C-alpha atoms as a PDB file:
ATOM      1  CA  MET A   1       8.887   4.132   7.720  1.00  0.00           C
ATOM      2  CA  GLN A   2       9.397   5.836   4.380  1.00  0.00           C
ATOM      3  CA  ALA A   3       6.293   6.876   2.440  1.00  0.00           C
ATOM      4  CA  ALA A   4       7.790   5.228  -0.634  1.00  0.00           C
ATOM      5  CA  GLU A   5       7.569   1.860   1.138  1.00  0.00           C
ATOM      6  CA  LEU A   6       3.772   1.999   1.106  1.00  0.00           C
ATOM      7  CA  ASP A   7       2.397   1.360  -2.368  1.00  0.00           C
ATOM      8  CA  LEU A   8      -0.962   2.959  -1.703  1.00  0.00           C
ATOM      9  CA  VAL A   9      -1.995   2.960  -5.359  1.00  0.00           C
ATOM     10  CA  ALA A  10      -1.632  -0.823  -5.672  1.00  0.00           C
ATOM     11  CA  ALA A  11      -3.360  -1.542  -2.342  1.00  0.00           C
ATOM     12  CA  THR A  12      -6.960  -2.710  -2.393  1.00  0.00           C
ATOM     13  CA  PRO A  13      -9.401  -1.262   0.172  1.00  0.00           C
ATOM     14  CA  VAL A  14     -10.813  -4.089   2.308  1.00  0.00           C
ATOM     15  CA  ASN A  15     -12.802  -4.594   5.500  1.00  0.00           C
ATOM     16  CA  HIS A  16     -11.005  -7.596   6.982  1.00  0.00           C
ATOM     17  CA  LEU A  17      -7.634  -6.312   8.256  1.00  0.00           C
ATOM     18  CA  TRP A  18      -8.839  -5.262  11.712  1.00  0.00           C
ATOM     19  CA  PRO A  19     -10.670  -8.563  12.382  1.00  0.00           C
ATOM     20  CA  GLN A  20      -7.598 -10.486  11.157  1.00  0.00           C
ATOM     21  CA  LEU A  21      -5.336  -8.476  13.446  1.00  0.00           C
ATOM     22  CA  VAL A  22      -7.609  -9.108  16.436  1.00  0.00           C
ATOM     23  CA  GLU A  23      -7.758 -12.813  15.605  1.00  0.00           C
ATOM     24  CA  ARG A  24      -3.977 -13.071  15.288  1.00  0.00           C
ATOM     25  CA  LEU A  25      -2.958 -10.946  18.309  1.00  0.00           C
ATOM     26  CA  GLY A  26      -6.004 -11.027  20.521  1.00  0.00           C
ATOM     27  CA  SER A  27      -8.153  -8.029  21.329  1.00  0.00           C
ATOM     28  CA  ASP A  28      -5.913  -6.461  23.980  1.00  0.00           C
ATOM     29  CA  ARG A  29      -2.715  -6.577  21.929  1.00  0.00           C
ATOM     30  CA  ALA A  30      -4.463  -5.374  18.747  1.00  0.00           C
ATOM     31  CA  VAL A  31      -5.916  -2.416  20.642  1.00  0.00           C
ATOM     32  CA  GLN A  32      -2.494  -1.679  22.149  1.00  0.00           C
ATOM     33  CA  ALA A  33      -0.942  -1.621  18.656  1.00  0.00           C
ATOM     34  CA  ALA A  34      -3.675   0.727  17.431  1.00  0.00           C
ATOM     35  CA  ARG A  35      -3.136   2.999  20.436  1.00  0.00           C
ATOM     36  CA  GLN A  36       0.574   3.209  19.652  1.00  0.00           C
ATOM     37  CA  ALA A  37      -0.203   4.432  16.140  1.00  0.00           C
ATOM     38  CA  LEU A  38      -2.689   6.964  17.501  1.00  0.00           C
ATOM     39  CA  ASP A  39      -0.130   8.089  20.102  1.00  0.00           C
ATOM     40  CA  LEU A  40       2.394   8.696  17.315  1.00  0.00           C
ATOM     41  CA  GLN A  41      -0.180  10.886  15.573  1.00  0.00           C
ATOM     42  CA  ALA A  42      -0.773  12.795  18.815  1.00  0.00           C
ATOM     43  CA  MET A  43       2.959  13.299  19.459  1.00  0.00           C
ATOM     44  CA  ARG A  44       4.394  13.867  15.980  1.00  0.00           C
ATOM     45  CA  GLY A  45       1.452  14.164  13.616  1.00  0.00           C
ATOM     46  CA  GLN A  46      -0.241  17.132  12.063  1.00  0.00           C
ATOM     47  CA  PRO A  47      -3.873  17.660  11.051  1.00  0.00           C
ATOM     48  CA  SER A  48      -2.707  16.712   7.550  1.00  0.00           C
ATOM     49  CA  THR A  49      -1.429  13.264   8.603  1.00  0.00           C
ATOM     50  CA  LEU A  50      -3.046   9.968   9.493  1.00  0.00           C
ATOM     51  CA  PRO A  51      -1.481   7.211  11.624  1.00  0.00           C
ATOM     52  CA  VAL A  52      -0.642   3.928   9.886  1.00  0.00           C
ATOM     53  CA  LEU A  53      -0.424   0.507  11.506  1.00  0.00           C
ATOM     54  CA  LEU A  54       1.376  -2.202   9.532  1.00  0.00           C
ATOM     55  CA  VAL A  55      -0.599  -5.334  10.298  1.00  0.00           C
ATOM     56  CA  GLU A  56       2.213  -7.860   9.771  1.00  0.00           C
ATOM     57  CA  THR A  57       4.735  -6.206  12.099  1.00  0.00           C
ATOM     58  CA  CYS A  58       2.632  -3.744  14.138  1.00  0.00           C
ATOM     59  CA  GLY A  59       5.016  -1.044  12.953  1.00  0.00           C
ATOM     60  CA  VAL A  60       3.592   2.460  13.019  1.00  0.00           C
ATOM     61  CA  GLY A  61       4.042   5.556  10.917  1.00  0.00           C
ATOM     62  CA  LEU A  62       2.289   8.571   9.488  1.00  0.00           C
ATOM     63  CA  VAL A  63       0.955   9.180   6.002  1.00  0.00           C
ATOM     64  CA  GLU A  64      -0.205  12.432   4.464  1.00  0.00           C
ATOM     65  CA  ARG A  65      -3.988  12.491   4.097  1.00  0.00           C
ATOM     66  CA  ALA A  66      -3.687  14.199   0.708  1.00  0.00           C
ATOM     67  CA  GLN A  67      -1.339  11.458  -0.525  1.00  0.00           C
ATOM     68  CA  LEU A  68      -3.720   8.741   0.661  1.00  0.00           C
ATOM     69  CA  ARG A  69      -6.733  10.514  -0.857  1.00  0.00           C
ATOM     70  CA  ALA A  70      -4.957  10.967  -4.207  1.00  0.00           C
ATOM     71  CA  ALA A  71      -3.782   7.338  -4.300  1.00  0.00           C
ATOM     72  CA  THR A  72      -7.011   5.665  -3.191  1.00  0.00           C
ATOM     73  CA  GLY A  73      -9.880   8.122  -3.526  1.00  0.00           C
ATOM     74  CA  LEU A  74     -10.951   7.324   0.043  1.00  0.00           C
ATOM     75  CA  PRO A  75     -12.839  10.068   1.917  1.00  0.00           C
ATOM     76  CA  LEU A  76     -10.604  11.584   4.576  1.00  0.00           C
ATOM     77  CA  PRO A  77     -12.146  14.542   6.396  1.00  0.00           C
ATOM     78  CA  GLU A  78      -9.441  16.529   8.221  1.00  0.00           C
ATOM     79  CA  GLU A  79     -11.353  16.617  11.499  1.00  0.00           C
ATOM     80  CA  SER A  80     -11.890  12.854  11.697  1.00  0.00           C
ATOM     81  CA  ALA A  81      -9.888  10.586  13.953  1.00  0.00           C
ATOM     82  CA  GLY A  82      -8.833   7.617  11.922  1.00  0.00           C
ATOM     83  CA  LEU A  83      -6.285   4.871  11.567  1.00  0.00           C
ATOM     84  CA  LEU A  84      -4.986   3.308   8.383  1.00  0.00           C
ATOM     85  CA  LEU A  85      -4.304  -0.415   8.584  1.00  0.00           C
ATOM     86  CA  PHE A  86      -1.898  -1.521   5.862  1.00  0.00           C
ATOM     87  CA  SER A  87      -0.862  -5.007   4.800  1.00  0.00           C
ATOM     88  CA  LYS A  88       2.141  -5.222   2.478  1.00  0.00           C
ATOM     89  CA  ARG A  89       1.725  -8.979   2.121  1.00  0.00           C
ATOM     90  CA  GLN A  90      -1.904  -8.687   0.990  1.00  0.00           C
ATOM     91  CA  ASP A  91      -1.512  -5.343  -0.819  1.00  0.00           C
ATOM     92  CA  ALA A  92      -4.517  -4.208   1.186  1.00  0.00           C
ATOM     93  CA  LEU A  93      -5.544  -1.284   3.341  1.00  0.00           C
ATOM     94  CA  GLN A  94      -8.393  -0.546   5.681  1.00  0.00           C
ATOM     95  CA  LEU A  95      -9.376   2.865   6.970  1.00  0.00           C
ATOM     96  CA  VAL A  96     -10.865   2.689  10.461  1.00  0.00           C
ATOM     97  CA  TRP A  97     -12.571   5.685  12.021  1.00  0.00           C
ATOM     98  CA  VAL A  98     -12.066   5.910  15.758  1.00  0.00           C
ATOM     99  CA  GLU A  99     -14.816   6.774  18.224  1.00  0.00           C
ATOM    100  CA  ALA A 100     -14.073   8.842  21.272  1.00  0.00           C
ATOM    101  CA  GLY A 101     -14.559   6.560  24.234  1.00  0.00           C
ATOM    102  CA  ALA A 102     -13.472   6.336  27.824  1.00  0.00           C
ATOM    103  CA  ALA A 103      -9.917   7.439  28.587  1.00  0.00           C
ATOM    104  CA  GLY A 104      -7.464   5.116  26.892  1.00  0.00           C
ATOM    105  CA  GLU A 105     -10.186   3.184  25.074  1.00  0.00           C
ATOM    106  CA  PHE A 106      -9.783   2.376  21.380  1.00  0.00           C
ATOM    107  CA  LYS A 107     -13.071   1.793  19.672  1.00  0.00           C
ATOM    108  CA  PRO A 108     -13.347   1.394  15.880  1.00  0.00           C
ATOM    109  CA  ARG A 109     -16.603   2.834  14.597  1.00  0.00           C
ATOM    110  CA  SER A 110     -18.968   0.408  12.946  1.00  0.00           C
ATOM    111  CA  ASP A 111     -19.607   2.796  10.035  1.00  0.00           C
ATOM    112  CA  SER A 112     -15.975   2.894   8.897  1.00  0.00           C
ATOM    113  CA  PRO A 113     -16.089   3.375   5.122  1.00  0.00           C
ATOM    114  CA  VAL A 114     -13.522   0.731   4.291  1.00  0.00           C
END
């Protein structure tokens, strides 16, 4: 995925992308898609990147935290484990912080800012 394909400036921060993804795919498949994005971050990412999950296709990629912060103003501490959900169709994004859980468990934190 090319960074230019994500129009972060035009995207509106929302809180409904994760619930929509779970409703559409089911909990297990939505968690699997999120894990794939987090695995990409673990394998190819840097502390300066954040994994992205495209909600329409479940495609994954990486975005620079500084680019996301500049485009949206969202708080992105370097040490936080997070996942950016992005919907091209809705021009929407949701930042989900991830809690450390049992091995292989994906658990969005309830205090995610967006």
